[in-house]
Amino acid sequence: MFRAVLIANRGEIACRVARTCRRLGIRAVAVYSDADADSLHVRACDAAFRIGPPPARDSYLDGDAILAAARDGGAEAIHPGYGFLSENAGFAEAVADAGLVFVGAPAAAMRALGSKSAARALMAEAGVPILEGYHGDAQDDDALAAEAERLGYPLLVKPSAGGGGRGMRIVETADALGAALVSARREAASSFGDERLLLERYLTNARHIEVQVFADNAGNAIHLFERDCSAQRRHQKVIEEAPAPGLSPATRDALGRTAVAAARAVGYAGAGTVEFLLDEIGGFHFIEMNTRLQVEHPVTEAITGHDLVEWQLRVAAGADLPVAQEAVALDGHAIEARLCAEDPAAGFLPSTGPVRLMRLPEDGVRIDTGFEAGDAVSPHYDSLLAKLVVHAPTRAAARARLSEALGEVAVAGPVTNRDFLIRVLAEEAFRAGTLDTGHLDRHLEALTASEAVPPEPVLALAALAALRDQDSGDPASPWAALRGWRLNAPARRAVNFRVGEDVATVQSEGAAFRFPGGHTRQVRALPSEAPRLAVEIDGEAHAAVAVCDAGAALVFAPDTTWRLPLFDPVAEAEAGAREAAPAVPLAPMPGVVVSVDVAGGDRVAKGQPLLVIEAMKVEHTIRAPAAGTVDAVHYAVGDRVDEGAELAAFTPEETLASQPSKP
């Protein structure tokens, strides 16, 4: 076994690999960009080396810098994790040329499978069922349009290289094909350095089923059952589970045998995943093979009891597979939820910045994370904060415990998708195990709707959190003495919250709380440890994590996160003045401009695309806030922008109409 392994990654996967290294007595060596100098994965390893500035292309994708760090750290092998260089055949070869071991698939297998087009042809030769599509060399728009007409609509446009849903576009009609090709090429080039595309017949109401395979260098290959990854939002996996619900033993066996055959067809070694679409009549069709460890590998570990990272290390060190196929047993059910720093109510806009509070469940839940309170979410990388994994004897028990566990999550700073995940788990289609890959997108409005009116227990907890926050200020300040004291009467204090268009006031006077609508309740604070608060309202106890952050009270109820902005008349007036000012397109988050679709002088309609910004591996289209004229564009392709940056000078049509005409 290796004495030292360099982990060429960051975040939760780097921490997870380091955990197994530590258990096996292997020295773990980390690498980091300037943005990650103080991150959890650096603290989790035995040594760490800087490899460059924050952009991934200048750090985590810099193979030479990683190899130099491996030499300096005395590493004998490099574990790439997933993403970044994990499926880069050239890097795997460079590792071998440097006299080190690449803990991943053979370069030849990666080359054979790295192109989806080549992989489809190879799988067809091996007898693996594939979807009808086009994966040829002709890549001009006319050739692709002709192939699209042959296949028929709807169809899927996909990058030939890469994976993870990046660059994929569903095209419903011929009129939408041109724009889809432009944006898919751009994202494919940005994410994978290869703008080639393929077309694939789009299956509606299909399920995404993938099979975990593992092979050694002696030619042994097995599968470790399948995972269901159908809970997807815009082709990005949200919740994964193993085994797939509702599969017949015959289908499960056929999927496993087909996946092993696919691995053997390319002389595979190490951990890999063969992905399929399962149609409505039970037929399955090959999508791609990922030549690396998957984000969702913990659910497979949970139902089989095997550590896949340990297997990777042992096979890379020359050992045979530790078990034969007949010895791999399926035990119970496991479900994983991806907790991400993104705002579902704002179109899943990435959320960055300091993590001021991070409380995750502890009992009966596996947590894989790369963050702790005090860390910061960077705009340079993906938005994954943590993975919550639950294993139970039955699917129903696993679903119930995971929902309960998500209700215990409390994160202040970046906005998260916690509530969205809870709602997905509660969906009838998910409960029944019949959810298809398009279900979440079809029901996105209901799954992301905000609760309108907070109940009185939430208002009471929010008010107590706000008062606690006020009382924790500078004790030397004269304002700290203002506690609502009144001669011959109980102290009276009030907290004002902005709720929609209204202001909700909670007023305390002794043990009495007056709520909006004039209701008065007897409220008593119960003993609790911060940041958790507990209250008794008219004899009924209520408790939740409740804190103040960024001018708002946050109450993490079991099924909903309530964010109640504190009403500030001055701030409200300033906001009103900003809204009254001429509309200008602003950057919603820090990122890089990857497309500019207009020029100074262009007349645009409301909602027309102006620029595209890439942040946290996702593209975001900035649209015209109103009909009008673009006076000037302030940024070019490749420029970095800060959150709130004015992207273009813009004059709304109504402003133009009010201006006097020139003689």
Foldseek 3Di string as FASTA:
>chain_A
DWQEEEELDAKLQLLVLLVVCVVVNHAYEYEDAPQCPPWQSCVSGPYYYYQYHQFCVRGSQPLVSSLVSCVVVVGQEYEHGDARCQLPLVSQVVCVVSNHFYLFKHSQLSVCFQFQLSLVVLLVVLVAFAFDWFSDDDADPVVRLVRCVVLDDQKWKAGRGDDQLWLIDTDGDSVCVVVSLVSSQLLCCVRPVGSGIMMGHDAPLKWKKKWKKAFFQVLAIFTLWIKTQQCDDSSHGFKMKPPQPPDDPVLRVVRGVSVRSSCSSRSIHAIKMWMWIQHPVGDIHTRGMGGHDDPPCVNSCQQFVDDRSVQSVQRSVPDGRPDHHVNGGGAFMKMKGFKFLFALLVVRHHWWFAWQQWDFDDPQKDKRTTHHHGRIGDFNAAGTGIMIMHGDRYPVVNLVVVLQRLLQTDIPRGDICSLLVNVVSVDPCNVVSSRGNCVCVVCSCVSNDADQDDDPVVVVLLVVQVVVVLCPPDCPDPVNPPQQDDPPFFRKDKFWWDGPPDIWIWMDGPQWIQTPVGDIWRKDWDDDDPQKTWIATNNRIDIFRWHDHPQWIWTSGSNDIDTTHTDDPVVVVVVVVVVVDFDFFFAQAKFFWADADDAAFDWDAFFQFGTWTDTNSDIDTTTHNHTWGFHGADDDGGDIDHGGDGGTDTGHPVNVVPDDDDD
